[in-house]
N, C-alpha and C. Protein backbone atom coordinates (compact mmCIF):
# COMPACT_ATOMS: atom_id res chain seq x y z
N MET A 1 7.95 -13.74 12.13
CA MET A 1 8.61 -12.93 13.14
C MET A 1 10.10 -13.22 13.15
N PHE A 2 10.51 -14.47 12.86
CA PHE A 2 11.95 -14.73 12.80
C PHE A 2 12.28 -15.63 11.63
N GLU A 3 13.52 -15.51 11.21
CA GLU A 3 14.04 -16.33 10.12
C GLU A 3 15.24 -17.10 10.67
N LYS A 4 15.51 -18.24 10.05
CA LYS A 4 16.64 -19.05 10.48
C LYS A 4 17.59 -19.23 9.32
N PHE A 5 18.87 -18.96 9.58
CA PHE A 5 19.94 -19.12 8.60
C PHE A 5 21.00 -20.00 9.24
N GLY A 6 20.99 -21.29 8.93
CA GLY A 6 21.93 -22.21 9.57
C GLY A 6 21.65 -22.26 11.06
N ASP A 7 22.67 -21.90 11.87
CA ASP A 7 22.49 -21.93 13.32
C ASP A 7 22.16 -20.55 13.89
N VAL A 8 21.78 -19.61 13.01
CA VAL A 8 21.46 -18.23 13.44
C VAL A 8 19.98 -17.94 13.21
N ALA A 9 19.33 -17.43 14.25
CA ALA A 9 17.95 -16.97 14.13
C ALA A 9 17.95 -15.45 14.13
N VAL A 10 17.19 -14.85 13.22
CA VAL A 10 17.04 -13.40 13.17
C VAL A 10 15.60 -13.07 13.55
N ILE A 11 15.45 -12.34 14.66
CA ILE A 11 14.13 -11.92 15.13
C ILE A 11 13.96 -10.45 14.78
N HIS A 12 12.92 -10.14 14.01
CA HIS A 12 12.67 -8.78 13.55
C HIS A 12 11.77 -8.04 14.54
N ILE A 13 12.23 -6.89 14.98
CA ILE A 13 11.45 -6.00 15.86
C ILE A 13 11.37 -4.68 15.13
N ASP A 14 10.26 -4.47 14.43
CA ASP A 14 10.15 -3.35 13.50
C ASP A 14 8.92 -2.51 13.79
N GLY A 15 9.14 -1.27 14.18
CA GLY A 15 8.03 -0.34 14.42
C GLY A 15 7.81 -0.08 15.90
N VAL A 16 6.69 0.57 16.19
CA VAL A 16 6.33 0.91 17.56
C VAL A 16 6.07 -0.37 18.35
N ILE A 17 6.61 -0.44 19.56
CA ILE A 17 6.52 -1.64 20.40
C ILE A 17 5.37 -1.48 21.38
N ASP A 18 4.55 -2.53 21.49
CA ASP A 18 3.45 -2.53 22.45
C ASP A 18 3.10 -3.97 22.79
N LYS A 19 2.19 -4.17 23.70
CA LYS A 19 1.76 -5.51 24.10
C LYS A 19 0.27 -5.64 23.84
N ARG A 20 -0.11 -6.78 23.30
CA ARG A 20 -1.51 -7.09 22.98
C ARG A 20 -2.11 -6.08 22.00
N VAL A 21 -1.41 -5.87 20.92
CA VAL A 21 -1.86 -4.96 19.88
C VAL A 21 -2.88 -5.70 19.01
N SER A 22 -3.96 -5.04 18.68
CA SER A 22 -4.98 -5.69 17.84
C SER A 22 -4.47 -5.86 16.41
N MET A 23 -5.01 -6.85 15.72
CA MET A 23 -4.63 -7.06 14.32
C MET A 23 -5.00 -5.83 13.49
N PHE A 24 -6.11 -5.17 13.83
CA PHE A 24 -6.52 -3.96 13.12
C PHE A 24 -5.44 -2.89 13.23
N ASP A 25 -4.95 -2.66 14.46
CA ASP A 25 -3.91 -1.65 14.66
C ASP A 25 -2.62 -2.03 13.93
N LEU A 26 -2.24 -3.32 14.00
CA LEU A 26 -1.03 -3.74 13.30
C LEU A 26 -1.17 -3.56 11.79
N ASP A 27 -2.34 -3.90 11.25
CA ASP A 27 -2.58 -3.75 9.81
C ASP A 27 -2.59 -2.28 9.39
N CYS A 28 -3.20 -1.43 10.22
CA CYS A 28 -3.33 -0.01 9.85
C CYS A 28 -2.08 0.81 10.15
N TYR A 29 -1.46 0.57 11.30
CA TYR A 29 -0.39 1.43 11.76
C TYR A 29 0.97 0.76 11.83
N GLY A 30 0.99 -0.56 11.73
CA GLY A 30 2.26 -1.27 11.84
C GLY A 30 2.68 -1.44 13.28
N GLY A 31 3.92 -1.77 13.47
CA GLY A 31 4.44 -1.96 14.81
C GLY A 31 4.69 -3.42 15.11
N VAL A 32 5.01 -3.68 16.37
CA VAL A 32 5.31 -5.04 16.80
C VAL A 32 4.64 -5.30 18.14
N ASP A 33 4.05 -6.48 18.25
CA ASP A 33 3.43 -6.91 19.49
C ASP A 33 4.46 -7.75 20.26
N LEU A 34 4.73 -7.38 21.50
CA LEU A 34 5.71 -8.11 22.30
C LEU A 34 5.32 -9.57 22.49
N ALA A 35 4.04 -9.88 22.41
CA ALA A 35 3.62 -11.28 22.50
C ALA A 35 4.23 -12.08 21.34
N ASP A 36 4.32 -11.46 20.16
CA ASP A 36 4.95 -12.13 19.01
C ASP A 36 6.45 -12.28 19.21
N VAL A 37 7.09 -11.26 19.77
CA VAL A 37 8.53 -11.34 20.06
C VAL A 37 8.79 -12.43 21.09
N ASP A 38 7.97 -12.46 22.14
CA ASP A 38 8.13 -13.49 23.18
C ASP A 38 7.94 -14.89 22.61
N ALA A 39 6.97 -15.05 21.71
CA ALA A 39 6.74 -16.35 21.08
C ALA A 39 7.95 -16.77 20.24
N ALA A 40 8.52 -15.81 19.51
CA ALA A 40 9.72 -16.11 18.71
C ALA A 40 10.88 -16.49 19.61
N LEU A 41 11.05 -15.79 20.72
CA LEU A 41 12.12 -16.11 21.67
C LEU A 41 11.93 -17.52 22.23
N SER A 42 10.70 -17.89 22.52
CA SER A 42 10.42 -19.24 23.03
C SER A 42 10.75 -20.31 22.00
N ARG A 43 10.39 -20.05 20.74
CA ARG A 43 10.70 -21.01 19.68
C ARG A 43 12.20 -21.17 19.51
N VAL A 44 12.92 -20.05 19.54
CA VAL A 44 14.37 -20.09 19.41
C VAL A 44 14.99 -20.82 20.60
N ALA A 45 14.48 -20.57 21.81
CA ALA A 45 15.02 -21.22 23.00
C ALA A 45 14.86 -22.74 22.92
N GLY A 46 13.78 -23.18 22.31
CA GLY A 46 13.51 -24.61 22.21
C GLY A 46 14.19 -25.31 21.05
N ASP A 47 14.91 -24.56 20.22
CA ASP A 47 15.57 -25.13 19.04
C ASP A 47 17.07 -25.29 19.33
N ALA A 48 17.48 -26.51 19.59
CA ALA A 48 18.89 -26.77 19.94
C ALA A 48 19.84 -26.50 18.78
N SER A 49 19.33 -26.45 17.55
CA SER A 49 20.21 -26.21 16.41
C SER A 49 20.58 -24.73 16.24
N ILE A 50 19.94 -23.86 17.01
CA ILE A 50 20.23 -22.42 16.95
C ILE A 50 21.22 -22.08 18.06
N SER A 51 22.37 -21.50 17.69
CA SER A 51 23.36 -21.12 18.70
C SER A 51 23.51 -19.61 18.84
N LYS A 52 23.05 -18.87 17.83
CA LYS A 52 23.17 -17.41 17.85
C LYS A 52 21.83 -16.79 17.46
N VAL A 53 21.55 -15.62 18.06
CA VAL A 53 20.31 -14.90 17.77
C VAL A 53 20.67 -13.45 17.45
N VAL A 54 20.09 -12.94 16.37
CA VAL A 54 20.23 -11.53 16.02
C VAL A 54 18.87 -10.87 16.20
N LEU A 55 18.83 -9.84 17.03
CA LEU A 55 17.63 -9.02 17.17
C LEU A 55 17.78 -7.88 16.18
N ASP A 56 17.03 -7.93 15.09
CA ASP A 56 17.08 -6.90 14.06
C ASP A 56 16.06 -5.83 14.44
N ILE A 57 16.55 -4.73 15.02
CA ILE A 57 15.65 -3.73 15.62
C ILE A 57 15.61 -2.45 14.79
N ASN A 58 14.40 -2.01 14.49
CA ASN A 58 14.14 -0.71 13.88
C ASN A 58 12.89 -0.17 14.56
N SER A 59 13.08 0.56 15.65
CA SER A 59 11.94 1.01 16.45
C SER A 59 12.22 2.34 17.13
N PRO A 60 11.20 3.23 17.13
CA PRO A 60 11.33 4.47 17.88
C PRO A 60 11.03 4.26 19.37
N GLY A 61 10.60 3.04 19.73
CA GLY A 61 10.21 2.73 21.10
C GLY A 61 8.74 2.38 21.15
N GLY A 62 8.11 2.67 22.25
CA GLY A 62 6.69 2.35 22.38
C GLY A 62 6.29 2.33 23.84
N SER A 63 5.36 1.46 24.13
CA SER A 63 4.82 1.34 25.48
C SER A 63 5.82 0.64 26.39
N VAL A 64 5.76 0.94 27.67
CA VAL A 64 6.62 0.28 28.65
C VAL A 64 6.05 -1.10 29.02
N VAL A 65 4.76 -1.30 28.78
CA VAL A 65 4.08 -2.53 29.18
C VAL A 65 4.71 -3.74 28.49
N GLY A 66 5.22 -4.68 29.28
CA GLY A 66 5.77 -5.92 28.75
C GLY A 66 7.23 -5.85 28.34
N VAL A 67 7.81 -4.67 28.27
CA VAL A 67 9.19 -4.55 27.79
C VAL A 67 10.18 -5.20 28.75
N HIS A 68 10.00 -4.98 30.04
CA HIS A 68 10.94 -5.58 31.00
C HIS A 68 10.87 -7.11 30.95
N GLU A 69 9.68 -7.65 30.78
CA GLU A 69 9.54 -9.11 30.70
C GLU A 69 10.25 -9.66 29.47
N THR A 70 10.15 -8.97 28.34
CA THR A 70 10.86 -9.40 27.13
C THR A 70 12.37 -9.26 27.33
N PHE A 71 12.80 -8.17 27.95
CA PHE A 71 14.21 -7.96 28.30
C PHE A 71 14.72 -9.16 29.12
N THR A 72 13.95 -9.58 30.12
CA THR A 72 14.33 -10.70 30.99
C THR A 72 14.41 -12.00 30.20
N ARG A 73 13.46 -12.22 29.27
CA ARG A 73 13.50 -13.44 28.44
C ARG A 73 14.77 -13.47 27.59
N ILE A 74 15.16 -12.32 27.08
CA ILE A 74 16.38 -12.25 26.27
C ILE A 74 17.60 -12.54 27.14
N GLN A 75 17.64 -11.99 28.34
CA GLN A 75 18.75 -12.26 29.26
C GLN A 75 18.84 -13.75 29.57
N GLU A 76 17.70 -14.38 29.80
CA GLU A 76 17.69 -15.82 30.08
C GLU A 76 18.17 -16.62 28.87
N LEU A 77 17.74 -16.21 27.68
CA LEU A 77 18.17 -16.88 26.46
C LEU A 77 19.67 -16.72 26.25
N ALA A 78 20.22 -15.58 26.68
CA ALA A 78 21.65 -15.30 26.52
C ALA A 78 22.51 -16.23 27.38
N GLU A 79 21.90 -16.93 28.31
CA GLU A 79 22.66 -17.91 29.10
C GLU A 79 23.02 -19.14 28.28
N THR A 80 22.25 -19.40 27.20
CA THR A 80 22.49 -20.59 26.38
C THR A 80 22.82 -20.28 24.92
N LYS A 81 22.53 -19.07 24.47
CA LYS A 81 22.77 -18.70 23.08
C LYS A 81 23.39 -17.30 23.02
N GLU A 82 24.21 -17.08 22.03
CA GLU A 82 24.83 -15.77 21.84
C GLU A 82 23.80 -14.83 21.22
N ILE A 83 23.62 -13.65 21.83
CA ILE A 83 22.60 -12.69 21.38
C ILE A 83 23.27 -11.42 20.88
N HIS A 84 22.91 -11.01 19.67
CA HIS A 84 23.38 -9.75 19.09
C HIS A 84 22.18 -8.90 18.73
N ALA A 85 22.25 -7.61 18.99
CA ALA A 85 21.24 -6.67 18.52
C ALA A 85 21.87 -5.89 17.38
N TYR A 86 21.12 -5.75 16.29
CA TYR A 86 21.62 -4.97 15.15
C TYR A 86 20.63 -3.87 14.83
N VAL A 87 21.15 -2.65 14.68
CA VAL A 87 20.33 -1.49 14.37
C VAL A 87 20.79 -0.89 13.05
N ASN A 88 19.92 -0.92 12.06
CA ASN A 88 20.23 -0.33 10.76
C ASN A 88 19.72 1.10 10.69
N CYS A 89 18.63 1.40 11.41
CA CYS A 89 18.02 2.73 11.33
C CYS A 89 17.83 3.39 12.69
N LEU A 90 16.96 2.80 13.51
CA LEU A 90 16.49 3.47 14.72
C LEU A 90 16.28 2.47 15.84
N CYS A 91 16.78 2.80 17.03
CA CYS A 91 16.60 1.93 18.20
C CYS A 91 16.57 2.82 19.44
N CYS A 92 15.38 3.26 19.81
CA CYS A 92 15.25 4.18 20.93
C CYS A 92 14.26 3.64 21.96
N SER A 93 14.33 4.18 23.14
CA SER A 93 13.39 3.92 24.22
C SER A 93 13.19 2.42 24.45
N ALA A 94 11.98 1.92 24.27
CA ALA A 94 11.70 0.50 24.50
C ALA A 94 12.55 -0.40 23.61
N GLY A 95 12.85 0.04 22.40
CA GLY A 95 13.71 -0.73 21.50
C GLY A 95 15.12 -0.85 22.05
N TYR A 96 15.64 0.24 22.60
CA TYR A 96 16.99 0.21 23.18
C TYR A 96 17.02 -0.59 24.47
N TYR A 97 15.93 -0.52 25.23
CA TYR A 97 15.82 -1.33 26.45
C TYR A 97 15.95 -2.81 26.09
N ILE A 98 15.23 -3.24 25.06
CA ILE A 98 15.29 -4.63 24.61
C ILE A 98 16.69 -4.96 24.09
N ALA A 99 17.27 -4.07 23.29
CA ALA A 99 18.61 -4.30 22.73
C ALA A 99 19.66 -4.43 23.83
N SER A 100 19.47 -3.73 24.93
CA SER A 100 20.48 -3.74 26.00
C SER A 100 20.60 -5.09 26.70
N ALA A 101 19.66 -6.00 26.44
CA ALA A 101 19.77 -7.36 27.00
C ALA A 101 20.71 -8.24 26.17
N ALA A 102 21.07 -7.79 24.98
CA ALA A 102 21.95 -8.56 24.10
C ALA A 102 23.39 -8.53 24.59
N ASP A 103 24.16 -9.52 24.15
CA ASP A 103 25.60 -9.55 24.46
C ASP A 103 26.34 -8.44 23.73
N VAL A 104 25.88 -8.12 22.52
CA VAL A 104 26.53 -7.13 21.66
C VAL A 104 25.45 -6.30 20.98
N ILE A 105 25.69 -4.99 20.89
CA ILE A 105 24.82 -4.12 20.08
C ILE A 105 25.69 -3.54 18.98
N ALA A 106 25.28 -3.74 17.73
CA ALA A 106 25.98 -3.17 16.58
C ALA A 106 25.00 -2.26 15.84
N ALA A 107 25.52 -1.15 15.33
CA ALA A 107 24.66 -0.20 14.65
C ALA A 107 25.35 0.37 13.42
N ALA A 108 24.56 0.66 12.42
CA ALA A 108 25.08 1.35 11.23
C ALA A 108 25.58 2.73 11.66
N PRO A 109 26.56 3.27 10.96
CA PRO A 109 27.10 4.58 11.35
C PRO A 109 26.05 5.69 11.41
N SER A 110 25.01 5.61 10.60
CA SER A 110 23.99 6.65 10.59
C SER A 110 22.77 6.31 11.45
N ALA A 111 22.80 5.19 12.16
CA ALA A 111 21.67 4.78 12.99
C ALA A 111 21.52 5.70 14.19
N ILE A 112 20.29 5.79 14.67
CA ILE A 112 19.98 6.56 15.88
C ILE A 112 19.72 5.54 16.98
N VAL A 113 20.52 5.61 18.05
CA VAL A 113 20.43 4.63 19.13
C VAL A 113 20.43 5.37 20.46
N GLY A 114 19.52 5.00 21.36
CA GLY A 114 19.57 5.56 22.70
C GLY A 114 18.24 5.95 23.29
N SER A 115 18.28 6.59 24.42
CA SER A 115 17.18 7.17 25.17
C SER A 115 16.22 6.17 25.81
N ILE A 116 16.68 5.51 26.86
CA ILE A 116 15.80 4.66 27.67
C ILE A 116 15.18 5.53 28.77
N GLY A 117 13.91 5.32 29.03
CA GLY A 117 13.28 5.96 30.18
C GLY A 117 12.66 7.30 29.93
N VAL A 118 12.35 7.60 28.70
CA VAL A 118 11.69 8.87 28.40
C VAL A 118 10.21 8.72 28.71
N TYR A 119 9.66 9.65 29.44
CA TYR A 119 8.24 9.61 29.80
C TYR A 119 7.62 10.96 29.48
N ILE A 120 6.52 10.91 28.75
CA ILE A 120 5.82 12.16 28.40
C ILE A 120 4.46 12.14 29.07
N ALA A 121 4.17 13.18 29.83
CA ALA A 121 2.88 13.27 30.55
C ALA A 121 1.91 14.10 29.72
């Protein structure tokens, strides 16, 4: 879920975001389970040798369940570590909500970024 380069941790958030996704669904459809993101954030928080975190986000969004809690964890982590969100392709809805907790959001010129709070009935 994350890689470490010197004092920088890169946490990958790739695909549709949800909470408590089964291994079957992850294997068949891809996506990211917020429980895995939260676990990575906890590991990074406990590692004093990490001073910066990059959230590498490529997501169209996903479920609202658990997103605010992950957002809050990132905000808390930002009190002790510098947080950057990087978007190479897509960061919408739940992905953008998570990115908005970072100190800085950077995006490729052709990236699609935005749209928090879209609800389809």
